[in-house]
N, C-alpha and C. Protein backbone atom coordinates (compact mmCIF):
# COMPACT_ATOMS: atom_id res chain seq x y z
N MET A 1 1.13 34.95 -36.23
CA MET A 1 1.38 33.97 -36.16
C MET A 1 3.11 34.18 -36.19
N ILE A 2 3.73 34.95 -35.96
CA ILE A 2 5.50 35.24 -35.10
C ILE A 2 4.96 34.62 -34.55
N ASP A 3 4.21 34.62 -33.29
CA ASP A 3 4.53 34.28 -32.54
C ASP A 3 3.27 32.54 -31.59
N ARG A 4 3.35 32.27 -33.16
CA ARG A 4 2.43 30.77 -33.39
C ARG A 4 4.11 30.18 -33.54
N VAL A 5 4.70 30.81 -33.86
CA VAL A 5 6.17 30.17 -35.05
C VAL A 5 7.22 30.25 -33.61
N LYS A 6 7.68 30.74 -32.97
CA LYS A 6 8.02 30.86 -31.84
C LYS A 6 7.61 30.07 -30.36
N GLU A 7 5.74 29.82 -30.04
CA GLU A 7 5.51 29.48 -29.19
C GLU A 7 6.94 27.44 -29.73
N LEU A 8 5.78 27.26 -30.67
CA LEU A 8 6.76 26.21 -31.48
C LEU A 8 8.05 25.94 -30.76
N TYR A 9 8.88 27.07 -31.82
CA TYR A 9 9.68 26.86 -31.27
C TYR A 9 10.96 26.06 -30.67
N HIS A 10 9.70 27.11 -29.14
CA HIS A 10 10.51 26.63 -27.71
C HIS A 10 10.13 25.66 -27.14
N HIS A 11 9.14 25.21 -27.63
CA HIS A 11 8.71 23.23 -27.23
C HIS A 11 9.61 23.29 -27.48
N TYR A 12 9.01 22.71 -29.74
CA TYR A 12 10.42 21.98 -30.16
C TYR A 12 12.25 21.82 -28.33
N TYR A 13 13.03 23.16 -29.04
CA TYR A 13 14.13 23.00 -28.43
C TYR A 13 13.68 22.60 -26.03
N GLY A 14 12.47 22.65 -25.89
CA GLY A 14 12.77 22.24 -24.53
C GLY A 14 12.28 20.59 -24.79
N VAL A 15 11.89 20.22 -25.59
CA VAL A 15 11.83 18.08 -26.54
C VAL A 15 13.25 18.39 -26.52
N VAL A 16 13.71 18.90 -27.06
CA VAL A 16 14.99 18.32 -27.27
C VAL A 16 16.35 18.46 -26.63
N MET A 17 15.96 19.48 -25.48
CA MET A 17 17.16 19.46 -24.69
C MET A 17 17.14 18.86 -23.04
N ASP A 18 15.64 18.52 -23.71
CA ASP A 18 15.38 17.21 -22.24
C ASP A 18 16.25 16.29 -22.70
N TRP A 19 15.38 16.14 -23.87
CA TRP A 19 15.99 14.18 -24.44
C TRP A 19 17.73 14.19 -24.88
N TYR A 20 18.05 15.43 -24.90
CA TYR A 20 19.74 15.68 -25.02
C TYR A 20 20.84 15.68 -24.05
N ASN A 21 20.00 16.19 -22.62
CA ASN A 21 20.36 16.44 -21.03
C ASN A 21 19.51 14.90 -20.61
N GLY A 22 18.55 14.40 -20.97
CA GLY A 22 18.91 12.75 -20.46
C GLY A 22 19.94 11.48 -20.55
N LEU A 23 20.80 12.23 -21.66
CA LEU A 23 21.48 11.44 -22.10
C LEU A 23 22.57 10.94 -21.59
N ASP A 24 23.64 9.92 -21.79
CA ASP A 24 24.92 9.87 -20.96
C ASP A 24 26.30 11.11 -21.66
N GLN A 25 26.20 11.24 -20.31
CA GLN A 25 28.21 12.26 -20.75
C GLN A 25 28.87 11.57 -22.38
N VAL A 26 28.87 10.55 -22.62
CA VAL A 26 29.53 9.61 -23.78
C VAL A 26 28.35 10.12 -24.24
N MET A 27 27.28 9.55 -23.88
CA MET A 27 25.94 10.23 -25.86
C MET A 27 26.29 11.34 -26.10
N GLN A 28 25.68 12.23 -25.44
CA GLN A 28 25.99 13.92 -25.52
C GLN A 28 27.63 13.96 -26.37
N TYR A 29 28.19 13.93 -26.05
CA TYR A 29 29.56 13.65 -26.98
C TYR A 29 29.58 12.89 -28.54
N GLY A 30 28.96 11.92 -28.46
CA GLY A 30 28.58 11.02 -29.28
C GLY A 30 27.80 11.92 -30.44
N VAL A 31 26.38 12.71 -29.85
CA VAL A 31 25.76 13.03 -30.41
C VAL A 31 26.95 14.83 -31.14
N LEU A 32 26.97 15.23 -30.77
CA LEU A 32 27.88 16.10 -31.32
C LEU A 32 28.36 15.74 -32.07
N PHE A 33 29.70 14.43 -32.11
CA PHE A 33 30.01 14.38 -32.76
C PHE A 33 30.32 14.07 -33.97
N PHE A 34 28.92 13.33 -34.79
CA PHE A 34 28.43 12.69 -35.67
C PHE A 34 28.12 13.70 -36.68
N GLY A 35 26.44 14.88 -35.42
CA GLY A 35 26.22 15.80 -35.61
C GLY A 35 27.38 17.35 -36.99
N GLY A 36 28.72 17.62 -35.64
CA GLY A 36 29.75 18.40 -36.62
C GLY A 36 30.12 17.29 -37.60
N VAL A 37 30.40 15.57 -37.53
CA VAL A 37 30.55 15.24 -39.42
C VAL A 37 29.49 15.03 -40.02
N LEU A 38 27.89 15.13 -39.80
CA LEU A 38 27.19 15.84 -40.47
C LEU A 38 27.10 17.01 -41.12
N ILE A 39 27.60 18.08 -40.68
CA ILE A 39 27.76 19.07 -40.60
C ILE A 39 28.61 19.29 -42.22
N LEU A 40 29.38 18.67 -41.52
CA LEU A 40 30.49 19.28 -42.55
C LEU A 40 30.47 18.31 -44.10
N LEU A 41 29.97 17.16 -43.75
CA LEU A 41 29.86 16.55 -45.26
C LEU A 41 28.80 17.43 -45.91
N ILE A 42 28.25 17.95 -45.64
CA ILE A 42 26.95 18.56 -46.15
C ILE A 42 28.10 19.66 -46.48
N VAL A 43 28.48 20.46 -45.90
CA VAL A 43 29.03 21.84 -46.91
C VAL A 43 30.56 21.19 -47.73
N ILE A 44 31.09 20.13 -47.32
CA ILE A 44 32.30 19.48 -48.35
C ILE A 44 31.13 19.37 -49.68
N PHE A 45 30.04 18.39 -49.62
CA PHE A 45 29.16 18.35 -50.90
C PHE A 45 28.72 19.33 -51.45
N PHE A 46 28.59 20.47 -50.44
CA PHE A 46 27.47 21.85 -51.72
C PHE A 46 29.07 22.54 -52.58
N MET A 47 30.47 22.25 -51.65
CA MET A 47 31.47 23.34 -52.39
C MET A 47 32.38 22.14 -53.20
N LEU A 48 32.04 20.52 -53.24
CA LEU A 48 31.77 20.04 -54.68
C LEU A 48 31.05 20.10 -56.01
N ASN A 49 30.11 20.14 -55.52
CA ASN A 49 28.56 20.45 -56.22
C ASN A 49 29.34 22.57 -56.70
N LYS A 50 29.49 22.47 -55.93
CA LYS A 50 29.74 24.23 -56.90
C LYS A 50 30.99 23.72 -57.64
N MET A 51 32.41 23.42 -57.76
CA MET A 51 33.26 23.45 -58.39
C MET A 51 32.58 22.17 -59.25
N SER A 52 31.92 21.00 -58.87
CA SER A 52 31.40 20.90 -61.01
C SER A 52 31.54 21.48 -61.66
N LYS A 53 30.92 22.58 -60.88
CA LYS A 53 28.98 23.01 -62.34
C LYS A 53 30.53 24.02 -64.08
């Protein structure tokens, strides 16, 4: 079971990295920037949710 999970992880990690490395450098920075903004918004949402309770 755990071997299957590790195999799936490595497969999809390889697919995502191939896609990411195929992007232009500007697009790579854009993906990182928007990923960081998305994570920041999720953290802010959870903080506001905790504070409002």
